[in-house]
């Protein structure tokens, strides 16, 4: 995968195009997910994918595709440190992808993937770091994202996943609100 990624990088240098950088990022990201990969290769491949997606976004900053791909790579990179800057960067990248996506939820599913990450991240932070008020605010936002995703996605596009995730997040919201937790102020439209 590194040889192919190098060739795509060279091609992008000769013919600056966001799709070549995106293809190189996808190649590295897919290589990192291979079943028999040496674990020591995963993080370097994900970092390489992140760099390619950043190059793609610089070449064409109006595509939500590159940002969604990058956000998903950052999710993988942040799994060991959900309170760190990489996880924060993943949230910000999802937010930017959501802005650029507009009404294309059925195609890209940014709302779905963003909500999935928020639920996972803030469930862990709530339990490990006792950040219940922040978690509740993020769960409420994730519920809104999932409700919007459900309304914008054709039923045949994994709607059962959205419904299942809505049930999970609703249980967390009910629990926290039942415990008298008030959501933290987010300072944004979340």
Protein backbone atom coordinates (compact mmCIF):
# COMPACT_ATOMS: atom_id res chain seq x y z
CA UNK A 1 0.00 0.00 0.00
CA UNK A 2 2.85 2.44 0.68
CA UNK A 3 4.22 2.10 -2.86
CA UNK A 4 0.79 2.72 -4.37
CA UNK A 5 0.23 5.67 -2.00
CA UNK A 6 3.62 7.11 -2.99
CA UNK A 7 2.68 6.86 -6.67
CA UNK A 8 -0.63 8.61 -6.05
CA UNK A 9 1.20 11.30 -4.09
CA UNK A 10 3.63 11.79 -6.99
CA UNK A 11 0.72 11.95 -9.44
CA UNK A 12 -1.04 14.55 -7.27
CA UNK A 13 2.14 16.65 -7.27
CA UNK A 14 2.16 16.62 -11.09
CA UNK A 15 -1.57 16.99 -11.45
CA UNK A 16 -2.96 18.68 -8.34
CA UNK A 17 -6.34 17.13 -7.81
CA UNK A 18 -8.19 16.38 -4.61
CA UNK A 19 -9.42 13.01 -5.85
CA UNK A 20 -5.87 11.63 -6.15
CA UNK A 21 -5.05 12.65 -2.58
CA UNK A 22 -8.36 11.21 -1.42
CA UNK A 23 -7.63 7.93 -3.24
CA UNK A 24 -4.24 7.71 -1.53
CA UNK A 25 -5.91 8.35 1.83
CA UNK A 26 -8.50 5.66 1.18
CA UNK A 27 -5.75 3.24 0.20
CA UNK A 28 -3.86 3.84 3.45
CA UNK A 29 -7.04 3.72 5.52
CA UNK A 30 -8.12 0.42 3.91
CA UNK A 31 -4.63 -1.01 4.37
CA UNK A 32 -4.77 -0.16 8.09
CA UNK A 33 -8.02 -2.13 8.37
CA UNK A 34 -6.72 -5.33 6.78
CA UNK A 35 -7.40 -8.37 8.97
CA UNK A 36 -3.84 -9.73 9.03
CA UNK A 37 -1.94 -6.44 9.32
CA UNK A 38 0.97 -6.08 11.71
CA UNK A 39 -0.39 -3.89 14.55
CA UNK A 40 2.76 -1.72 14.36
CA UNK A 41 1.74 -0.65 10.84
CA UNK A 42 -1.77 0.57 11.70
CA UNK A 43 -1.07 3.95 13.30
CA UNK A 44 1.51 5.06 10.69
CA UNK A 45 -0.93 4.14 7.90
CA UNK A 46 -3.73 6.07 9.61
CA UNK A 47 -1.49 9.12 10.05
CA UNK A 48 -0.56 8.87 6.39
CA UNK A 49 -4.25 8.65 5.44
CA UNK A 50 -4.94 11.72 7.58
CA UNK A 51 -2.25 13.66 5.72
CA UNK A 52 -3.66 12.67 2.34
CA UNK A 53 -7.18 13.70 3.38
CA UNK A 54 -5.82 17.05 4.56
CA UNK A 55 -4.12 17.47 1.16
CA UNK A 56 -7.41 16.65 -0.57
CA UNK A 57 -9.25 19.23 1.54
CA UNK A 58 -6.62 21.86 0.72
CA UNK A 59 -6.91 21.11 -3.00
CA UNK A 60 -10.71 21.28 -2.93
CA UNK A 61 -12.04 22.63 0.37
CA UNK A 62 -15.73 22.38 -0.59
CA UNK A 63 -16.06 18.60 -0.51
CA UNK A 64 -17.49 16.96 2.60
CA UNK A 65 -16.11 13.61 1.40
CA UNK A 66 -12.52 14.41 2.36
CA UNK A 67 -13.56 15.74 5.75
CA UNK A 68 -15.75 12.74 6.50
CA UNK A 69 -12.92 10.38 5.55
CA UNK A 70 -10.51 12.35 7.73
CA UNK A 71 -12.92 12.42 10.66
CA UNK A 72 -13.27 8.65 10.52
CA UNK A 73 -9.47 8.26 10.49
CA UNK A 74 -9.23 10.58 13.49
CA UNK A 75 -11.82 8.46 15.29
CA UNK A 76 -9.54 5.45 14.83
CA UNK A 77 -6.51 7.43 15.98
CA UNK A 78 -8.28 8.77 19.09
CA UNK A 79 -9.58 5.47 20.51
CA UNK A 80 -6.85 5.35 23.17
CA UNK A 81 -7.29 8.98 24.24
CA UNK A 82 -10.88 10.16 23.89
CA UNK A 83 -10.23 13.28 25.96
CA UNK A 84 -7.25 14.35 23.86
CA UNK A 85 -6.70 16.73 20.97
CA UNK A 86 -7.15 14.09 18.25
CA UNK A 87 -10.67 13.34 19.50
CA UNK A 88 -11.38 17.08 19.65
CA UNK A 89 -10.10 17.38 16.09
CA UNK A 90 -12.40 14.50 15.04
CA UNK A 91 -15.43 16.36 16.46
CA UNK A 92 -14.43 19.60 14.72
CA UNK A 93 -13.82 17.78 11.44
CA UNK A 94 -17.22 16.07 11.62
CA UNK A 95 -18.81 19.46 12.30
CA UNK A 96 -17.15 20.94 9.20
CA UNK A 97 -18.15 17.94 7.09
CA UNK A 98 -21.72 18.32 8.34
CA UNK A 99 -21.76 21.96 7.25
CA UNK A 100 -20.48 21.08 3.78
CA UNK A 101 -22.70 18.02 3.40
CA UNK A 102 -25.91 20.00 3.38
CA UNK A 103 -28.80 17.69 2.55
CA UNK A 104 -26.75 14.75 1.27
CA UNK A 105 -27.22 12.62 4.40
CA UNK A 106 -28.49 9.63 2.44
CA UNK A 107 -25.28 9.60 0.42
CA UNK A 108 -22.59 10.50 2.97
CA UNK A 109 -24.23 9.85 6.35
CA UNK A 110 -22.16 12.48 8.16
CA UNK A 111 -24.87 12.97 10.79
CA UNK A 112 -24.94 9.24 11.47
CA UNK A 113 -21.16 8.83 11.81
CA UNK A 114 -20.82 12.05 13.81
CA UNK A 115 -23.54 10.94 16.24
CA UNK A 116 -21.98 7.49 16.51
CA UNK A 117 -18.66 9.05 17.53
CA UNK A 118 -20.28 11.49 19.98
CA UNK A 119 -22.15 8.68 21.71
CA UNK A 120 -19.08 6.46 21.96
CA UNK A 121 -16.71 9.24 23.04
CA UNK A 122 -18.95 10.86 25.60
CA UNK A 123 -20.17 7.59 27.06
CA UNK A 124 -16.54 6.74 27.84
CA UNK A 125 -15.77 10.24 29.17
CA UNK A 126 -18.91 10.25 31.29
CA UNK A 127 -18.02 6.94 32.89
CA UNK A 128 -14.24 7.42 33.24
CA UNK A 129 -13.99 11.13 33.96
CA UNK A 130 -17.46 11.78 35.40
CA UNK A 131 -18.19 14.52 32.86
CA UNK A 132 -21.94 13.93 33.02
CA UNK A 133 -23.14 17.44 32.16
CA UNK A 134 -20.94 17.59 29.04
CA UNK A 135 -21.96 14.06 28.09
CA UNK A 136 -25.64 14.93 28.39
CA UNK A 137 -25.20 17.95 26.12
CA UNK A 138 -23.41 15.78 23.53
CA UNK A 139 -26.03 13.01 23.82
CA UNK A 140 -28.79 15.54 23.20
CA UNK A 141 -26.93 16.79 20.15
CA UNK A 142 -26.35 13.23 18.92
CA UNK A 143 -30.07 12.54 19.28
CA UNK A 144 -30.82 15.59 17.17
CA UNK A 145 -28.31 14.48 14.53
CA UNK A 146 -29.79 10.98 14.42
CA UNK A 147 -33.35 12.31 14.18
CA UNK A 148 -32.29 14.51 11.26
CA UNK A 149 -30.43 11.57 9.69
CA UNK A 150 -33.51 9.38 9.99
CA UNK A 151 -35.65 12.02 8.30
CA UNK A 152 -33.09 12.55 5.51
CA UNK A 153 -32.16 8.92 4.78
CA UNK A 154 -34.09 6.48 2.64
CA UNK A 155 -35.36 3.51 4.68
CA UNK A 156 -33.27 1.01 2.77
CA UNK A 157 -30.02 2.76 3.78
CA UNK A 158 -29.45 1.09 7.14
CA UNK A 159 -32.32 2.83 8.89
CA UNK A 160 -32.36 0.07 11.51
CA UNK A 161 -28.91 1.25 12.63
CA UNK A 162 -30.20 4.78 13.12
CA UNK A 163 -33.24 3.56 15.07
CA UNK A 164 -31.07 1.32 17.26
CA UNK A 165 -28.63 4.14 17.99
CA UNK A 166 -31.53 6.51 18.78
CA UNK A 167 -32.77 4.00 21.36
CA UNK A 168 -29.30 3.75 22.93
CA UNK A 169 -28.79 7.49 23.20
CA UNK A 170 -32.31 8.03 24.51
CA UNK A 171 -31.60 5.58 27.35
CA UNK A 172 -28.48 7.56 28.29
CA UNK A 173 -30.38 10.85 28.18
CA UNK A 174 -33.22 9.52 30.35
CA UNK A 175 -30.74 8.12 32.87
CA UNK A 176 -28.75 11.36 33.20
CA UNK A 177 -31.83 13.56 33.32
CA UNK A 178 -33.37 11.20 35.89
CA UNK A 179 -30.25 11.72 38.01
CA UNK A 180 -30.87 15.47 37.94
CA UNK A 181 -28.01 16.26 35.54
CA UNK A 182 -28.36 19.45 33.53
CA UNK A 183 -26.63 19.65 30.14
CA UNK A 184 -23.49 21.77 29.98
CA UNK A 185 -23.69 24.92 27.90
CA UNK A 186 -21.91 24.24 24.62
CA UNK A 187 -21.66 27.77 23.27
CA UNK A 188 -22.68 26.62 19.81
CA UNK A 189 -25.70 25.34 17.94
CA UNK A 190 -25.34 21.90 19.50
